Amino acid sequence: MATASAASAAISGNWRKAGVAGAAIGVIAAGAAAGVAIERLTVGRGMRRRARLALDASGPYGALRGAPGKALADDGTELYYEVDEVDAAGPPGALGIPGSPVIPGVLGIPGARSVTGSVAGVGLTAGAGPGPGSGPGAAAPSPGSRRRRLFGRKAPVPVTVVFSHGYCLNQDSWHFQRAALRGLVRTVHWDQRSHGRSARGVGQSGSGAVPVTIEQLGRDLKAVIDAAAPEGPLVLVGHSMGGMTMMALADQFPELVRERVVGVALVGTSSGKLGEVNYGLPVAGVNAVRRVLPGVLKALGSQAELVERGRRATADLFAGLIKRYSFSSKDVDPAVVRFAERLIEGTPIDVVAEFYPAFTDHDKAQALSVFLEVPALILAGESDLITPSSHSEAIADLLPDAELVLVPDAGHLVMLEHPEAVTDRLADLLARVGAVPSEANVGRHGSTAQPGG
């Protein structure tokens, strides 16, 4: 208590320090845990601020909207979701994007699947199993083949793809995948509790507040499914905390997975051991930060209004830090980088504080067995500093029939950094389970490389 009081007093005396701490925690919160050492950054503040305003005005990212709805969590929290319905007319182009090119040799070709090679101009490394759905000469069907044949036929209820976002993001983080799949398959995008347009967690408010748990998030996902997709086959897609949410759903509602889930995609996520991640920093420094971070977060959360004011005032200083922990490649569109900043900045510091402890406790390796008979895609950026690709490889070891894709020169926000690669592999999964036509393909829609980069 004394430590928290001293920290609060220090924050009250210096808005700039509060802003630095808040911005640092926001960057940390883009993934599943924290441990970032802050270095002095020298930036032309006026120039940076003008650039940020220009990028905010020009960037179209996060503008897609669907039919809104609300689900009620088991503790009374209102969870906001949007539904994009199928366009029965079947819009032309790649995955429903009018005029998008269809590039042969990736999808829609008998026997094509992910192997070491190039997809839509982005090199990929894939492995972990024979890759069900291959053509002549392929290995024996996996245990999920019967399920794929069942749902590959025209179903009375369409397949619904449910997207779950990561910590300190919101449903708009799936912007490119949403744009590419729009009109082709029914999708549900939702905001996790206390994020985006969802209400502040009821259980985390007031004097009797309880910590957020990954188990609670799994129950939240169940509430969204019950409200937005109460029947029919499901494909679950989750990034970072969203993938952990899917694991918690499987752990608590295995019958739902067995009866309705026909495909899963786990993007940049982890099944546990997040306390061992060093975030690209010296181990000794990370361990020191971990020892003091819970108390610092508690102090910051108790001074939320003050910290937010300081955080906004100094946000322009941290573009480089956010980019380092979100992306890996050097030619990401600055507007996309700014979009990621806005997502992270949009999460209040007290929400960051109350979610953080859940990741230390997260361990859902055993729950993955529920997905054993479900066609699965496991995808990660090779240079992810938040949930390292080794965590995706560990998941693949537990799901040997899954397709493992490691995207070179990609960081934690791989779906924004290399959206064409992520969408391509997701489209392949959807084709394999019969959710989209097998001839569907992904062109260059969603590339974030700068012109001439």
Protein backbone atom coordinates (compact mmCIF):
# COMPACT_ATOMS: atom_id res chain seq x y z
CA MET A 1 0.00 0.00 0.00
CA ALA A 2 2.84 2.36 0.86
CA THR A 3 4.47 1.66 -2.48
CA ALA A 4 1.23 2.41 -4.33
CA SER A 5 0.74 5.66 -2.41
CA ALA A 6 4.26 6.83 -3.15
CA ALA A 7 3.83 6.01 -6.82
CA SER A 8 0.53 7.87 -6.94
CA ALA A 9 2.11 10.93 -5.36
CA ALA A 10 4.92 10.86 -7.90
CA ILE A 11 2.41 10.67 -10.74
CA SER A 12 0.39 13.56 -9.34
CA GLY A 13 3.51 15.70 -9.30
CA ASN A 14 4.55 15.06 -12.86
CA TRP A 15 2.10 14.68 -15.74
CA ARG A 16 4.88 13.99 -18.19
CA LYS A 17 6.12 10.99 -16.24
CA ALA A 18 2.57 9.75 -15.98
CA GLY A 19 2.20 10.06 -19.73
CA VAL A 20 5.43 8.18 -20.33
CA ALA A 21 4.33 5.37 -18.06
CA GLY A 22 0.87 5.24 -19.59
CA ALA A 23 2.17 5.17 -23.15
CA ALA A 24 4.67 2.47 -22.25
CA ILE A 25 1.96 0.32 -20.70
CA GLY A 26 -0.19 0.86 -23.80
CA VAL A 27 2.58 -0.49 -26.01
CA ILE A 28 3.08 -3.45 -23.70
CA ALA A 29 -0.63 -4.11 -23.81
CA ALA A 30 -0.63 -4.72 -27.56
CA GLY A 31 0.29 -8.31 -26.67
CA ALA A 32 -0.32 -10.80 -23.90
CA ALA A 33 2.07 -9.58 -21.20
CA ALA A 34 4.54 -6.84 -20.40
CA GLY A 35 8.18 -6.06 -19.67
CA VAL A 36 9.33 -3.13 -21.80
CA ALA A 37 12.22 -0.91 -20.68
CA ILE A 38 11.70 2.71 -21.71
CA GLU A 39 14.53 4.46 -23.52
CA ARG A 40 14.80 8.19 -24.16
CA LEU A 41 13.30 9.05 -27.53
CA THR A 42 14.13 12.25 -29.38
CA VAL A 43 11.38 13.27 -31.79
CA GLY A 44 10.38 16.60 -33.33
CA ARG A 45 7.12 16.92 -31.43
CA GLY A 46 5.44 19.53 -33.60
CA MET A 47 6.29 17.71 -36.79
CA ARG A 48 5.20 14.39 -35.34
CA ARG A 49 1.89 15.80 -34.15
CA ARG A 50 1.10 17.25 -37.58
CA ALA A 51 1.98 13.96 -39.21
CA ARG A 52 -0.29 12.08 -36.84
CA LEU A 53 -3.21 14.37 -37.62
CA ALA A 54 -2.61 13.94 -41.37
CA LEU A 55 -2.49 10.16 -41.04
CA ASP A 56 -5.65 10.13 -38.94
CA ALA A 57 -7.42 12.04 -41.71
CA SER A 58 -6.12 9.92 -44.59
CA GLY A 59 -6.11 6.39 -43.15
CA PRO A 60 -9.32 4.48 -44.01
CA TYR A 61 -8.55 1.69 -41.57
CA GLY A 62 -11.17 0.70 -39.01
CA ALA A 63 -14.04 2.34 -40.89
CA LEU A 64 -15.94 -0.84 -41.77
CA ARG A 65 -19.21 -1.33 -39.93
CA GLY A 66 -21.81 -4.09 -39.84
CA ALA A 67 -25.22 -4.72 -38.32
CA PRO A 68 -24.80 -3.95 -34.59
CA GLY A 69 -25.89 -6.14 -31.72
CA LYS A 70 -25.33 -6.64 -28.01
CA ALA A 71 -24.79 -9.79 -25.99
CA LEU A 72 -25.10 -9.99 -22.23
CA ALA A 73 -22.23 -11.65 -20.36
CA ASP A 74 -22.95 -13.83 -17.33
CA ASP A 75 -22.07 -10.94 -14.99
CA GLY A 76 -24.32 -8.48 -16.84
CA THR A 77 -21.64 -6.79 -18.97
CA GLU A 78 -22.93 -5.64 -22.37
CA LEU A 79 -20.73 -6.95 -25.18
CA TYR A 80 -20.91 -5.16 -28.53
CA TYR A 81 -20.69 -7.09 -31.79
CA GLU A 82 -21.33 -6.52 -35.51
CA VAL A 83 -22.44 -8.98 -38.16
CA ASP A 84 -21.56 -8.91 -41.85
CA GLU A 85 -24.01 -11.13 -43.70
CA VAL A 86 -23.36 -13.17 -46.83
CA ASP A 87 -24.04 -11.46 -50.15
CA ALA A 88 -26.17 -13.99 -51.99
CA ALA A 89 -25.25 -12.39 -55.32
CA GLY A 90 -21.65 -13.47 -54.87
CA PRO A 91 -19.67 -10.28 -55.55
CA PRO A 92 -16.92 -10.54 -58.15
CA GLY A 93 -13.22 -10.43 -57.47
CA ALA A 94 -11.02 -11.97 -54.82
CA LEU A 95 -13.05 -12.85 -51.73
CA GLY A 96 -15.80 -10.38 -52.48
CA ILE A 97 -13.66 -7.35 -53.35
CA PRO A 98 -15.00 -5.97 -56.65
CA GLY A 99 -12.27 -5.91 -59.26
CA SER A 100 -9.68 -7.67 -57.10
CA PRO A 101 -7.44 -9.98 -59.09
CA VAL A 102 -7.57 -13.74 -58.76
CA ILE A 103 -4.03 -15.09 -58.67
CA PRO A 104 -3.77 -18.77 -59.66
CA GLY A 105 -1.34 -21.08 -57.94
CA VAL A 106 -2.23 -20.32 -54.33
CA LEU A 107 -5.82 -21.42 -53.77
CA GLY A 108 -8.35 -23.04 -56.05
CA ILE A 109 -5.72 -25.32 -57.61
CA PRO A 110 -6.16 -29.04 -56.87
CA GLY A 111 -3.58 -30.15 -54.35
CA ALA A 112 -2.47 -26.62 -53.46
CA ARG A 113 -1.68 -25.99 -49.82
CA SER A 114 0.77 -24.02 -47.75
CA VAL A 115 4.36 -25.16 -48.11
CA THR A 116 7.65 -23.31 -48.12
CA GLY A 117 7.26 -20.77 -50.87
CA SER A 118 5.60 -17.47 -51.73
CA VAL A 119 2.01 -16.43 -51.21
CA ALA A 120 0.80 -13.19 -52.76
CA GLY A 121 4.31 -11.86 -52.81
CA VAL A 122 5.09 -12.72 -49.18
CA GLY A 123 7.41 -15.60 -48.31
CA LEU A 124 5.95 -18.11 -45.84
CA THR A 125 7.28 -21.05 -43.91
CA ALA A 126 4.77 -23.75 -43.07
CA GLY A 127 4.87 -27.14 -41.45
CA ALA A 128 3.40 -29.26 -38.65
CA GLY A 129 1.59 -32.04 -40.39
CA PRO A 130 0.53 -33.13 -43.85
CA GLY A 131 -2.02 -30.36 -44.36
CA PRO A 132 -5.43 -31.97 -44.82
CA GLY A 133 -7.20 -31.31 -48.06
CA SER A 134 -4.25 -31.87 -50.39
CA GLY A 135 -4.82 -33.32 -53.81
CA PRO A 136 -3.76 -36.60 -55.42
CA GLY A 137 -1.07 -38.41 -53.51
CA ALA A 138 -1.83 -36.60 -50.27
CA ALA A 139 -1.44 -38.25 -46.89
CA ALA A 140 -4.33 -40.07 -45.24
CA PRO A 141 -7.22 -37.83 -44.14
CA SER A 142 -6.95 -36.35 -40.66
CA PRO A 143 -9.57 -37.06 -37.97
CA GLY A 144 -11.33 -33.85 -38.99
CA SER A 145 -12.01 -35.02 -42.56
CA ARG A 146 -15.45 -36.40 -41.73
CA ARG A 147 -16.43 -33.06 -40.24
CA ARG A 148 -15.19 -31.18 -43.30
CA ARG A 149 -17.17 -33.43 -45.64
CA LEU A 150 -20.26 -32.91 -43.51
CA PHE A 151 -20.03 -29.13 -43.55
CA GLY A 152 -18.58 -28.93 -47.06
CA ARG A 153 -22.09 -29.47 -48.44
CA LYS A 154 -24.55 -26.65 -48.58
CA ALA A 155 -25.86 -26.23 -45.04
CA PRO A 156 -29.31 -24.92 -44.08
CA VAL A 157 -27.54 -22.38 -41.86
CA PRO A 158 -24.44 -20.61 -43.22
CA VAL A 159 -21.04 -20.94 -41.62
CA THR A 160 -20.30 -18.03 -39.29
CA VAL A 161 -16.71 -16.85 -38.78
CA VAL A 162 -16.25 -15.26 -35.34
CA PHE A 163 -13.26 -12.92 -34.94
CA SER A 164 -11.82 -12.25 -31.46
CA HIS A 165 -9.26 -9.45 -31.06
CA GLY A 166 -6.26 -9.00 -28.79
CA TYR A 167 -5.48 -7.06 -25.61
CA CYS A 168 -5.74 -3.26 -25.97
CA LEU A 169 -7.13 -3.58 -29.49
CA ASN A 170 -10.70 -3.89 -30.73
CA GLN A 171 -12.64 -5.55 -33.54
CA ASP A 172 -11.23 -3.07 -36.06
CA SER A 173 -7.82 -4.73 -35.80
CA TRP A 174 -9.22 -7.29 -38.29
CA HIS A 175 -9.86 -4.52 -40.83
CA PHE A 176 -8.12 -6.15 -43.81
CA GLN A 177 -9.51 -9.63 -43.25
CA ARG A 178 -12.98 -8.19 -42.78
CA ALA A 179 -12.72 -6.23 -46.02
CA ALA A 180 -11.52 -9.25 -47.96
CA LEU A 181 -14.20 -11.65 -46.68
CA ARG A 182 -17.09 -9.20 -46.75
CA GLY A 183 -20.07 -10.52 -48.67
CA LEU A 184 -18.54 -13.96 -49.15
CA VAL A 185 -19.04 -15.50 -45.70
CA ARG A 186 -21.04 -14.53 -42.63
CA THR A 187 -18.75 -12.93 -40.04
CA VAL A 188 -19.11 -11.71 -36.46
CA HIS A 189 -16.68 -9.14 -35.04
CA TRP A 190 -16.93 -8.32 -31.34
CA ASP A 191 -15.22 -6.12 -28.78
CA GLN A 192 -13.93 -7.84 -25.67
CA ARG A 193 -15.25 -6.46 -22.37
CA SER A 194 -13.92 -3.00 -21.50
CA HIS A 195 -12.52 -2.67 -25.04
CA GLY A 196 -13.88 -0.84 -28.08
CA ARG A 197 -17.64 -0.34 -27.95
CA SER A 198 -18.32 -2.98 -25.32
CA ALA A 199 -19.23 -1.83 -21.82
CA ARG A 200 -16.82 -1.72 -18.94
CA GLY A 201 -16.76 -5.10 -17.22
CA VAL A 202 -19.41 -5.14 -14.47
CA GLY A 203 -17.30 -7.51 -12.43
CA GLN A 204 -14.37 -5.12 -12.61
CA SER A 205 -16.33 -2.06 -11.44
CA GLY A 206 -17.16 -0.79 -7.98
CA SER A 207 -15.86 -1.67 -4.54
CA GLY A 208 -16.32 -5.41 -5.03
CA ALA A 209 -14.32 -5.53 -8.27
CA VAL A 210 -12.77 -8.85 -9.21
CA PRO A 211 -9.80 -9.36 -11.55
CA VAL A 212 -10.42 -10.23 -15.19
CA THR A 213 -9.66 -13.85 -16.03
CA ILE A 214 -9.17 -15.58 -19.35
CA GLU A 215 -11.94 -17.95 -18.22
CA GLN A 216 -14.32 -14.98 -18.04
CA LEU A 217 -13.37 -14.00 -21.58
CA GLY A 218 -14.19 -17.53 -22.74
CA ARG A 219 -17.65 -17.19 -21.22
CA ASP A 220 -18.00 -13.79 -22.90
CA LEU A 221 -17.28 -15.40 -26.27
CA LYS A 222 -19.96 -18.01 -25.55
CA ALA A 223 -22.45 -15.20 -24.85
CA VAL A 224 -21.59 -13.52 -28.16
CA ILE A 225 -21.99 -16.80 -30.06
CA ASP A 226 -25.36 -17.44 -28.38
CA ALA A 227 -26.57 -13.98 -29.40
CA ALA A 228 -25.02 -13.55 -32.87
CA ALA A 229 -24.73 -17.13 -34.15
CA PRO A 230 -27.03 -19.36 -32.09
CA GLU A 231 -27.04 -22.13 -34.69
CA GLY A 232 -24.99 -23.45 -37.56
CA PRO A 233 -21.32 -24.29 -38.04
CA LEU A 234 -18.65 -21.94 -36.69
CA VAL A 235 -15.09 -21.00 -37.55
CA LEU A 236 -13.29 -19.29 -34.66
CA VAL A 237 -10.47 -16.82 -35.37
CA GLY A 238 -8.46 -15.17 -32.60
CA HIS A 239 -5.39 -12.97 -32.31
CA SER A 240 -3.26 -12.93 -29.14
CA MET A 241 -5.72 -12.57 -26.23
CA GLY A 242 -8.47 -13.50 -28.69
CA GLY A 243 -6.81 -16.87 -29.27
CA MET A 244 -6.57 -17.37 -25.52
CA THR A 245 -10.27 -16.54 -25.29
CA MET A 246 -10.97 -19.33 -27.79
CA MET A 247 -8.94 -21.77 -25.67
CA ALA A 248 -10.96 -20.77 -22.59
CA LEU A 249 -14.18 -21.34 -24.54
CA ALA A 250 -13.00 -24.83 -25.50
CA ASP A 251 -11.97 -25.56 -21.91
CA GLN A 252 -15.37 -24.62 -20.48
CA PHE A 253 -17.69 -25.56 -23.37
CA PRO A 254 -16.08 -28.55 -25.12
CA GLU A 255 -19.47 -29.75 -26.33
CA LEU A 256 -19.94 -26.52 -28.30
CA VAL A 257 -16.65 -27.11 -30.10
CA ARG A 258 -17.45 -30.76 -30.83
CA GLU A 259 -20.96 -30.02 -32.11
CA ARG A 260 -20.50 -26.77 -34.03
CA VAL A 261 -16.89 -25.63 -34.58
CA VAL A 262 -15.57 -26.72 -37.98
CA GLY A 263 -12.37 -24.65 -38.09
CA VAL A 264 -10.08 -22.57 -35.87
CA ALA A 265 -7.37 -20.02 -36.61
CA LEU A 266 -4.95 -19.05 -33.83
CA VAL A 267 -2.94 -15.95 -34.77
CA GLY A 268 0.02 -14.68 -32.75
CA THR A 269 -1.18 -16.29 -29.54
CA SER A 270 0.01 -18.52 -26.71
CA SER A 271 -1.28 -21.41 -24.61
CA GLY A 272 0.78 -20.39 -21.58
CA LYS A 273 4.23 -19.71 -20.06
CA LEU A 274 3.96 -16.00 -20.81
CA GLY A 275 6.02 -15.26 -17.73
CA GLU A 276 9.07 -16.56 -19.60
CA VAL A 277 8.86 -14.07 -22.49
CA ASN A 278 11.72 -11.52 -22.49
CA TYR A 279 10.36 -9.11 -25.15
CA GLY A 280 13.76 -8.83 -26.83
CA LEU A 281 15.28 -7.36 -23.65
CA PRO A 282 17.98 -8.57 -21.25
CA VAL A 283 16.56 -11.22 -18.92
CA ALA A 284 17.74 -9.45 -15.75
CA GLY A 285 15.97 -6.24 -16.76
CA VAL A 286 12.76 -8.08 -17.64
CA ASN A 287 12.73 -9.87 -14.29
CA ALA A 288 13.21 -6.57 -12.46
CA VAL A 289 10.31 -5.00 -14.35
CA ARG A 290 8.08 -7.99 -13.60
CA ARG A 291 8.71 -7.62 -9.88
CA VAL A 292 7.52 -4.00 -9.73
CA LEU A 293 5.01 -3.92 -12.58
CA PRO A 294 1.91 -5.16 -10.68
CA GLY A 295 2.30 -2.38 -8.09
CA VAL A 296 3.00 0.24 -10.75
CA LEU A 297 -0.06 -0.84 -12.75
CA LYS A 298 -2.23 -0.69 -9.66
CA ALA A 299 -1.00 2.83 -8.91
CA LEU A 300 -1.53 3.98 -12.49
CA GLY A 301 -5.01 2.46 -12.56
CA SER A 302 -5.96 4.34 -9.40
CA GLN A 303 -5.00 7.64 -11.08
CA ALA A 304 -6.59 6.84 -14.44
CA GLU A 305 -7.80 10.34 -15.34
CA LEU A 306 -4.48 11.96 -14.57
CA VAL A 307 -2.48 9.29 -16.38
CA GLU A 308 -4.70 9.52 -19.46
CA ARG A 309 -4.14 13.27 -19.69
CA GLY A 310 -0.40 12.80 -19.49
CA ARG A 311 -0.56 9.88 -21.89
CA ARG A 312 -2.35 11.97 -24.52
CA ALA A 313 0.06 14.85 -24.06
CA THR A 314 3.11 12.66 -24.74
CA ALA A 315 1.67 10.14 -27.19
CA ASP A 316 3.60 11.58 -30.12
CA LEU A 317 6.87 10.51 -28.49
CA PHE A 318 6.14 6.82 -28.66
CA ALA A 319 5.48 6.03 -32.30
CA GLY A 320 8.86 4.33 -32.61
CA LEU A 321 8.31 2.21 -29.54
CA ILE A 322 4.83 1.15 -30.63
CA LYS A 323 6.15 0.27 -34.08
CA ARG A 324 8.96 -1.83 -32.59
CA TYR A 325 6.60 -3.99 -30.56
CA SER A 326 3.82 -4.21 -33.14
CA PHE A 327 5.67 -4.61 -36.44
CA SER A 328 8.94 -5.94 -37.83
CA SER A 329 9.20 -4.83 -41.46
CA LYS A 330 10.51 -1.37 -42.31
CA ASP A 331 8.06 -0.56 -45.11
CA VAL A 332 4.72 -0.72 -43.29
CA ASP A 333 2.33 2.01 -44.39
CA PRO A 334 2.66 4.88 -41.85
CA ALA A 335 -1.13 5.13 -41.79
CA VAL A 336 -1.32 1.51 -40.64
CA VAL A 337 1.25 2.21 -37.93
CA ARG A 338 -0.81 5.20 -36.83
CA PHE A 339 -3.94 3.03 -36.88
CA ALA A 340 -2.25 0.61 -34.47
CA GLU A 341 -1.31 3.56 -32.24
CA ARG A 342 -4.93 4.69 -32.12
CA LEU A 343 -6.13 1.22 -31.18
CA ILE A 344 -3.62 0.97 -28.34
CA GLU A 345 -4.18 4.55 -27.15
CA GLY A 346 -7.93 3.91 -27.07
CA THR A 347 -7.69 1.46 -24.17
CA PRO A 348 -7.90 3.23 -20.78
CA ILE A 349 -4.99 2.70 -18.42
CA ASP A 350 -7.20 1.22 -15.70
CA VAL A 351 -8.43 -1.41 -18.17
CA VAL A 352 -4.82 -2.21 -19.03
CA ALA A 353 -4.08 -2.59 -15.32
CA GLU A 354 -6.99 -4.89 -14.52
CA PHE A 355 -6.35 -7.24 -17.46
CA TYR A 356 -2.60 -7.68 -17.02
CA PRO A 357 -2.56 -10.25 -14.17
CA ALA A 358 -4.70 -12.67 -16.21
CA PHE A 359 -1.86 -13.38 -18.62
CA THR A 360 0.53 -14.54 -15.94
CA ASP A 361 -2.04 -17.13 -14.89
CA HIS A 362 -2.94 -18.20 -18.43
CA ASP A 363 -2.34 -21.92 -19.06
CA LYS A 364 -4.60 -23.59 -21.58
CA ALA A 365 -2.30 -26.21 -23.13
CA GLN A 366 -4.61 -29.02 -22.05
CA ALA A 367 -7.66 -27.26 -23.46
CA LEU A 368 -6.14 -27.43 -26.94
CA SER A 369 -7.00 -31.14 -27.07
CA VAL A 370 -10.62 -30.11 -27.67
CA PHE A 371 -9.48 -28.75 -31.07
CA LEU A 372 -7.70 -31.98 -32.10
CA GLU A 373 -10.38 -33.01 -34.58
CA VAL A 374 -10.98 -29.49 -35.91
CA PRO A 375 -9.11 -28.22 -39.00
CA ALA A 376 -6.77 -25.58 -37.65
CA LEU A 377 -4.48 -22.79 -38.80
CA ILE A 378 -1.72 -21.59 -36.48
CA LEU A 379 -0.03 -18.44 -37.75
CA ALA A 380 2.54 -16.06 -36.25
CA GLY A 381 5.10 -13.45 -37.20
CA GLU A 382 8.62 -14.80 -36.99
CA SER A 383 9.79 -11.63 -35.23
CA ASP A 384 6.93 -11.33 -32.73
CA LEU A 385 8.39 -9.97 -29.47
CA ILE A 386 5.13 -10.24 -27.51
CA THR A 387 3.95 -13.80 -28.16
CA PRO A 388 7.04 -15.28 -29.84
CA SER A 389 6.61 -17.69 -32.73
CA SER A 390 7.96 -20.46 -30.48
CA HIS A 391 4.63 -20.29 -28.64
CA SER A 392 2.79 -20.97 -31.90
CA GLU A 393 5.15 -23.87 -32.57
CA ALA A 394 4.31 -25.23 -29.12
CA ILE A 395 0.60 -25.07 -29.99
CA ALA A 396 1.32 -26.86 -33.27
CA ASP A 397 3.05 -29.64 -31.34
CA LEU A 398 -0.22 -30.19 -29.48
CA LEU A 399 -2.29 -29.97 -32.68
CA PRO A 400 -0.20 -32.07 -35.09
CA ASP A 401 -2.74 -31.96 -37.93
CA ALA A 402 -2.86 -28.15 -37.92
CA GLU A 403 -1.21 -25.99 -40.55
CA LEU A 404 1.60 -23.91 -39.04
CA VAL A 405 2.56 -20.74 -40.89
CA LEU A 406 5.40 -18.46 -39.74
CA VAL A 407 5.48 -15.18 -41.63
CA PRO A 408 8.99 -13.74 -42.14
CA ASP A 409 9.63 -10.09 -41.31
CA ALA A 410 6.43 -9.86 -39.28
CA GLY A 411 5.77 -8.80 -35.70
CA HIS A 412 2.88 -9.15 -33.28
CA LEU A 413 0.26 -7.34 -35.38
CA VAL A 414 0.87 -9.64 -38.33
CA MET A 415 -2.72 -9.30 -39.60
CA LEU A 416 -2.08 -5.57 -40.11
CA GLU A 417 1.54 -5.84 -41.20
CA HIS A 418 1.13 -8.63 -43.78
CA PRO A 419 -2.66 -8.81 -44.22
CA GLU A 420 -2.45 -10.49 -47.62
CA ALA A 421 -0.57 -13.44 -46.10
CA VAL A 422 -2.94 -13.81 -43.16
CA THR A 423 -6.06 -13.49 -45.31
CA ASP A 424 -4.72 -15.98 -47.85
CA ARG A 425 -4.18 -18.71 -45.27
CA LEU A 426 -7.48 -17.93 -43.56
CA ALA A 427 -9.26 -18.17 -46.92
CA ASP A 428 -7.61 -21.54 -47.48
CA LEU A 429 -8.93 -22.77 -44.13
CA LEU A 430 -12.42 -21.51 -44.97
CA ALA A 431 -12.27 -23.26 -48.33
CA ARG A 432 -11.20 -26.52 -46.70
CA VAL A 433 -14.17 -26.52 -44.33
CA GLY A 434 -16.64 -25.53 -47.05
CA ALA A 435 -17.30 -22.02 -45.79
CA VAL A 436 -16.23 -20.38 -49.07
CA PRO A 437 -15.97 -21.72 -52.62
CA SER A 438 -12.78 -23.65 -53.26
CA GLU A 439 -12.02 -21.42 -56.25
CA ALA A 440 -11.96 -18.30 -54.07
CA ASN A 441 -8.61 -16.56 -53.96
CA VAL A 442 -6.81 -13.60 -52.44
CA GLY A 443 -5.06 -10.98 -54.51
CA ARG A 444 -2.96 -8.04 -53.33
CA HIS A 445 -5.86 -6.47 -51.46
CA GLY A 446 -4.62 -5.28 -48.11
CA SER A 447 -0.92 -4.86 -48.81
CA THR A 448 0.54 -2.30 -46.40
CA ALA A 449 3.90 -1.82 -48.07
CA GLN A 450 4.72 1.77 -48.97
CA PRO A 451 4.91 2.54 -52.69
CA GLY A 452 8.41 1.78 -53.88
CA GLY A 453 9.24 0.08 -50.57
